[in-house]
C-alpha atoms as a PDB file:
ATOM      1  CA  MET A   1      -0.300   0.088  -0.295  1.00  0.00           C
ATOM      2  CA  PRO A   2       1.411   3.622  -0.746  1.00  0.00           C
ATOM      3  CA  ARG A   3       2.421   6.080   1.443  1.00  0.00           C
ATOM      4  CA  LEU A   4       0.450   8.783   0.625  1.00  0.00           C
ATOM      5  CA  PRO A   5      -2.352   8.122   2.417  1.00  0.00           C
ATOM      6  CA  LEU A   6      -0.850   7.926   5.141  1.00  0.00           C
ATOM      7  CA  PHE A   7       0.786  12.031   4.211  1.00  0.00           C
ATOM      8  CA  TRP A   8      -2.500  13.467   3.868  1.00  0.00           C
ATOM      9  CA  PRO A   9      -3.838  13.386   8.254  1.00  0.00           C
ATOM     10  CA  ALA A  10      -0.038  14.154   8.869  1.00  0.00           C
ATOM     11  CA  LEU A  11       0.277  17.399   6.878  1.00  0.00           C
ATOM     12  CA  ALA A  12      -3.713  18.326   7.777  1.00  0.00           C
ATOM     13  CA  ALA A  13      -2.697  17.982  11.973  1.00  0.00           C
ATOM     14  CA  LEU A  14       0.667  19.801  10.942  1.00  0.00           C
ATOM     15  CA  LEU A  15      -1.775  23.173   9.004  1.00  0.00           C
ATOM     16  CA  ALA A  16      -3.967  23.161  11.670  1.00  0.00           C
ATOM     17  CA  CYS A  17      -1.567  23.400  14.299  1.00  0.00           C
ATOM     18  CA  SER A  18      -0.359  26.092  11.715  1.00  0.00           C
ATOM     19  CA  CYS A  19      -3.130  27.151  11.555  1.00  0.00           C
ATOM     20  CA  ALA A  20      -4.058  27.419  14.772  1.00  0.00           C
ATOM     21  CA  SER A  21      -1.309  29.320  16.446  1.00  0.00           C
ATOM     22  CA  GLY A  22      -1.706  33.070  14.361  1.00  0.00           C
ATOM     23  CA  SER A  23       0.865  33.727  12.746  1.00  0.00           C
ATOM     24  CA  GLY A  24       2.811  30.230  11.637  1.00  0.00           C
ATOM     25  CA  SER A  25       6.337  31.602  13.061  1.00  0.00           C
ATOM     26  CA  ARG A  26       8.696  29.648  14.382  1.00  0.00           C
ATOM     27  CA  PRO A  27       8.527  28.687  17.953  1.00  0.00           C
ATOM     28  CA  SER A  28      11.446  31.216  20.282  1.00  0.00           C
ATOM     29  CA  ALA A  29      14.960  29.620  21.169  1.00  0.00           C
ATOM     30  CA  SER A  30      13.330  28.518  24.727  1.00  0.00           C
ATOM     31  CA  GLU A  31      11.054  25.844  23.370  1.00  0.00           C
ATOM     32  CA  SER A  32      14.132  24.774  22.064  1.00  0.00           C
ATOM     33  CA  ALA A  33      13.186  24.048  18.411  1.00  0.00           C
ATOM     34  CA  VAL A  34      16.124  23.349  15.720  1.00  0.00           C
ATOM     35  CA  PRO A  35      15.606  25.119  12.216  1.00  0.00           C
ATOM     36  CA  SER A  36      15.199  23.665   9.396  1.00  0.00           C
ATOM     37  CA  PRO A  37      17.629  24.043   7.287  1.00  0.00           C
ATOM     38  CA  PRO A  38      15.718  26.325   4.436  1.00  0.00           C
ATOM     39  CA  ALA A  39      14.201  24.803   1.505  1.00  0.00           C
ATOM     40  CA  ARG A  40      12.553  26.167  -1.907  1.00  0.00           C
ATOM     41  CA  VAL A  41      10.246  23.289  -3.756  1.00  0.00           C
ATOM     42  CA  SER A  42       9.250  24.837  -7.322  1.00  0.00           C
ATOM     43  CA  PHE A  43       6.240  23.143  -9.884  1.00  0.00           C
ATOM     44  CA  VAL A  44       6.425  24.109 -13.663  1.00  0.00           C
ATOM     45  CA  ASP A  45       4.211  23.778 -15.720  1.00  0.00           C
ATOM     46  CA  TYR A  46       5.999  24.204 -18.767  1.00  0.00           C
ATOM     47  CA  ARG A  47       2.972  23.970 -21.408  1.00  0.00           C
ATOM     48  CA  ASN A  48       1.393  27.015 -19.644  1.00  0.00           C
ATOM     49  CA  GLY A  49       3.475  28.550 -18.393  1.00  0.00           C
ATOM     50  CA  MET A  50       2.260  28.380 -14.586  1.00  0.00           C
ATOM     51  CA  ARG A  51       5.485  28.105 -11.309  1.00  0.00           C
ATOM     52  CA  PHE A  52       4.833  27.730  -7.456  1.00  0.00           C
ATOM     53  CA  VAL A  53       6.669  27.603  -5.679  1.00  0.00           C
ATOM     54  CA  LEU A  54       6.761  27.147  -2.092  1.00  0.00           C
ATOM     55  CA  VAL A  55       9.335  28.045   0.285  1.00  0.00           C
ATOM     56  CA  ASN A  56      10.511  27.168   4.344  1.00  0.00           C
ATOM     57  CA  GLU A  57      10.595  30.306   7.202  1.00  0.00           C
ATOM     58  CA  SER A  58      14.544  29.463   7.435  1.00  0.00           C
ATOM     59  CA  HIS A  59      14.591  30.498   3.192  1.00  0.00           C
ATOM     60  CA  THR A  60      12.246  32.843   3.120  1.00  0.00           C
ATOM     61  CA  ASP A  61      10.681  35.849   6.625  1.00  0.00           C
ATOM     62  CA  ARG A  62       6.734  35.406   5.347  1.00  0.00           C
ATOM     63  CA  VAL A  63       6.234  39.203   6.730  1.00  0.00           C
ATOM     64  CA  GLU A  64       9.296  40.412   4.495  1.00  0.00           C
ATOM     65  CA  LEU A  65       8.425  37.878   1.151  1.00  0.00           C
ATOM     66  CA  TYR A  66       3.979  38.824   1.954  1.00  0.00           C
ATOM     67  CA  SER A  67       4.637  43.495   2.743  1.00  0.00           C
ATOM     68  CA  ARG A  68       6.969  43.828  -0.057  1.00  0.00           C
ATOM     69  CA  THR A  69       4.540  44.239  -3.766  1.00  0.00           C
ATOM     70  CA  SER A  70       5.437  42.172  -6.261  1.00  0.00           C
ATOM     71  CA  THR A  71       5.286  41.721 -10.084  1.00  0.00           C
ATOM     72  CA  ASP A  72       4.535  37.767  -9.377  1.00  0.00           C
ATOM     73  CA  ALA A  73       3.063  36.268  -6.273  1.00  0.00           C
ATOM     74  CA  SER A  74       3.657  32.079  -7.356  1.00  0.00           C
ATOM     75  CA  THR A  75       6.328  32.327  -4.109  1.00  0.00           C
ATOM     76  CA  LYS A  76       4.068  30.768  -0.244  1.00  0.00           C
ATOM     77  CA  VAL A  77       6.452  29.933   2.468  1.00  0.00           C
ATOM     78  CA  ALA A  78       5.908  27.222   5.233  1.00  0.00           C
ATOM     79  CA  THR A  79       6.964  26.292   8.542  1.00  0.00           C
ATOM     80  CA  ASP A  80       9.953  24.444   8.939  1.00  0.00           C
ATOM     81  CA  GLU A  81       7.899  21.604   9.328  1.00  0.00           C
ATOM     82  CA  LEU A  82       4.977  21.179   6.550  1.00  0.00           C
ATOM     83  CA  MET A  83       8.700  21.950   4.564  1.00  0.00           C
ATOM     84  CA  ASP A  84      10.042  18.997   6.245  1.00  0.00           C
ATOM     85  CA  GLU A  85       6.954  17.014   6.273  1.00  0.00           C
ATOM     86  CA  LEU A  86       6.442  17.477   1.957  1.00  0.00           C
ATOM     87  CA  LEU A  87      10.635  16.794   1.909  1.00  0.00           C
ATOM     88  CA  GLU A  88      10.406  13.665   3.522  1.00  0.00           C
ATOM     89  CA  HIS A  89       6.942  12.991   1.442  1.00  0.00           C
ATOM     90  CA  LEU A  90       8.548  13.821  -2.054  1.00  0.00           C
ATOM     91  CA  ASP A  91      11.442  11.327  -1.136  1.00  0.00           C
ATOM     92  CA  GLN A  92       9.595   7.979  -0.176  1.00  0.00           C
ATOM     93  CA  ARG A  93       8.007   9.159  -3.059  1.00  0.00           C
ATOM     94  CA  GLY A  94      11.260   8.256  -5.144  1.00  0.00           C
ATOM     95  CA  PHE A  95      11.176  11.830  -5.846  1.00  0.00           C
ATOM     96  CA  ASP A  96      14.996  11.358  -4.824  1.00  0.00           C
ATOM     97  CA  ALA A  97      15.925   8.769  -6.736  1.00  0.00           C
ATOM     98  CA  ARG A  98      14.582   9.236  -9.625  1.00  0.00           C
ATOM     99  CA  ALA A  99      15.823  13.553  -9.937  1.00  0.00           C
ATOM    100  CA  LEU A 100      17.713  14.831 -11.832  1.00  0.00           C
ATOM    101  CA  SER A 101      20.987  16.492 -10.578  1.00  0.00           C
ATOM    102  CA  GLY A 102      21.011  20.273 -10.681  1.00  0.00           C
ATOM    103  CA  PRO A 103      18.163  22.685 -11.383  1.00  0.00           C
ATOM    104  CA  ALA A 104      14.848  22.359 -13.475  1.00  0.00           C
ATOM    105  CA  PRO A 105      15.915  23.779 -17.446  1.00  0.00           C
ATOM    106  CA  ALA A 106      14.206  27.091 -17.661  1.00  0.00           C
ATOM    107  CA  ASP A 107      12.053  25.832 -20.807  1.00  0.00           C
ATOM    108  CA  SER A 108      11.153  22.419 -22.458  1.00  0.00           C
ATOM    109  CA  THR A 109       9.797  20.298 -24.987  1.00  0.00           C
ATOM    110  CA  ALA A 110      11.125  16.470 -23.749  1.00  0.00           C
ATOM    111  CA  TRP A 111       8.584  17.416 -20.399  1.00  0.00           C
ATOM    112  CA  SER A 112       5.310  18.951 -19.080  1.00  0.00           C
ATOM    113  CA  GLN A 113       5.802  19.542 -15.759  1.00  0.00           C
ATOM    114  CA  VAL A 114       8.799  19.589 -13.121  1.00  0.00           C
ATOM    115  CA  ILE A 115       9.226  19.513  -9.831  1.00  0.00           C
ATOM    116  CA  GLU A 116      12.275  21.484  -8.660  1.00  0.00           C
ATOM    117  CA  VAL A 117      13.582  20.401  -4.803  1.00  0.00           C
ATOM    118  CA  GLU A 118      16.594  23.013  -3.562  1.00  0.00           C
ATOM    119  CA  ASP A 119      17.363  22.702  -0.173  1.00  0.00           C
ATOM    120  CA  SER A 120      20.661  21.796   2.214  1.00  0.00           C
ATOM    121  CA  ALA A 121      21.161  18.238  -0.498  1.00  0.00           C
ATOM    122  CA  GLY A 122      21.351  20.352  -3.793  1.00  0.00           C
ATOM    123  CA  THR A 123      18.879  21.678  -5.953  1.00  0.00           C
ATOM    124  CA  ARG A 124      17.408  18.545  -8.088  1.00  0.00           C
ATOM    125  CA  HIS A 125      14.643  17.976  -9.626  1.00  0.00           C
ATOM    126  CA  LEU A 126      12.180  15.709 -12.506  1.00  0.00           C
ATOM    127  CA  GLY A 127      10.157  15.930 -14.984  1.00  0.00           C
ATOM    128  CA  VAL A 128       6.994  14.118 -17.150  1.00  0.00           C
ATOM    129  CA  GLY A 129       7.141  13.892 -20.047  1.00  0.00           C
ATOM    130  CA  LYS A 130       5.699  11.798 -23.233  1.00  0.00           C
ATOM    131  CA  LEU A 131       8.667   9.707 -22.525  1.00  0.00           C
ATOM    132  CA  THR A 132       7.910   9.131 -19.189  1.00  0.00           C
ATOM    133  CA  THR A 133       7.271   5.596 -17.824  1.00  0.00           C
ATOM    134  CA  GLU A 134       3.659   4.366 -15.784  1.00  0.00           C
ATOM    135  CA  SER A 135       5.611   3.792 -13.097  1.00  0.00           C
ATOM    136  CA  GLU A 136       7.898   7.583 -13.462  1.00  0.00           C
ATOM    137  CA  ARG A 137       5.146   8.614 -13.781  1.00  0.00           C
ATOM    138  CA  ASP A 138       2.271   7.746 -10.825  1.00  0.00           C
ATOM    139  CA  ALA A 139       5.412   9.145  -8.834  1.00  0.00           C
ATOM    140  CA  PHE A 140       5.355  13.004 -10.331  1.00  0.00           C
ATOM    141  CA  HIS A 141       1.918  12.306 -10.195  1.00  0.00           C
ATOM    142  CA  ASP A 142       2.277  11.112  -6.242  1.00  0.00           C
ATOM    143  CA  CYS A 143       4.785  13.786  -6.069  1.00  0.00           C
ATOM    144  CA  ARG A 144       2.849  16.881  -7.693  1.00  0.00           C
ATOM    145  CA  ALA A 145      -0.018  15.542  -5.876  1.00  0.00           C
ATOM    146  CA  ALA A 146       1.034  16.895  -2.402  1.00  0.00           C
ATOM    147  CA  PHE A 147       2.948  19.416  -3.184  1.00  0.00           C
ATOM    148  CA  LEU A 148       0.235  21.013  -5.018  1.00  0.00           C
ATOM    149  CA  TYR A 149      -1.955  19.555  -1.801  1.00  0.00           C
ATOM    150  CA  LEU A 150      -0.010  22.194   0.574  1.00  0.00           C
ATOM    151  CA  TYR A 151       0.393  24.696  -1.512  1.00  0.00           C
ATOM    152  CA  ASN A 152      -2.937  25.525  -1.674  1.00  0.00           C
ATOM    153  CA  ASN A 153      -3.630  25.053   1.764  1.00  0.00           C
ATOM    154  CA  ILE A 154      -0.490  28.294   2.890  1.00  0.00           C
ATOM    155  CA  PHE A 155      -2.043  31.061   2.782  1.00  0.00           C
ATOM    156  CA  ALA A 156      -0.615  34.154   1.194  1.00  0.00           C
ATOM    157  CA  ALA A 157      -1.067  37.609   1.560  1.00  0.00           C
ATOM    158  CA  GLN A 158       1.276  39.598  -1.516  1.00  0.00           C
ATOM    159  CA  SER A 159       1.179  42.630  -2.902  1.00  0.00           C
ATOM    160  CA  VAL A 160       0.959  42.449  -7.270  1.00  0.00           C
ATOM    161  CA  ASP A 161       1.047  45.088  -8.924  1.00  0.00           C
ATOM    162  CA  MET A 162       0.501  45.450 -12.694  1.00  0.00           C
ATOM    163  CA  MET A 163      -2.083  42.536 -12.416  1.00  0.00           C
ATOM    164  CA  ARG A 164      -4.385  42.445 -15.703  1.00  0.00           C
ATOM    165  CA  PHE A 165      -7.978  41.406 -16.014  1.00  0.00           C
ATOM    166  CA  LYS A 166      -9.018  39.855 -19.730  1.00  0.00           C
ATOM    167  CA  LYS A 167     -12.389  41.473 -20.973  1.00  0.00           C
ATOM    168  CA  PRO A 168     -16.261  40.046 -19.388  1.00  0.00           C
ATOM    169  CA  GLY A 169     -16.523  37.017 -21.992  1.00  0.00           C
ATOM    170  CA  LYS A 170     -13.507  36.821 -24.008  1.00  0.00           C
ATOM    171  CA  ARG A 171     -11.536  33.787 -23.178  1.00  0.00           C
ATOM    172  CA  ALA A 172      -8.068  33.058 -24.452  1.00  0.00           C
ATOM    173  CA  ASP A 173      -8.434  29.189 -25.034  1.00  0.00           C
ATOM    174  CA  ARG A 174     -11.654  29.509 -27.705  1.00  0.00           C
END
């Protein structure tokens, strides 16, 4: 039986604890918590140019990131504990065993989607495309589902400059 079903309750519990604590900031030094190493996990869909990034609090200060106006609001800050759980899950689903060393390409015709991890172990990436085997595709989809679940459940209030909206009734995909 895959580890995936066990991941969701653990992640849900961590999310509940992080939400209940208010800002989700790290425990004080008096609570003897050891901060995690800085980590960043990115998901890129080359087909439509979508990019989502999760960093932990040891990587980027939440207040600093969310206080400045940006042209891109795709980065969210997770607690160190949530990021540690995500990285453990990715490893258990075969990410590290299948990943290629180094950063993901800026653009790709071979892959439709890629996940990139940067942490104390270095930078590595795993992509999926037309030539991906079924077992690699399944592992990638499990990793992507976990990443997107966490990403979508983290609140972020980023001020964005130059927001552009399309006219109602006009859709680019028609």
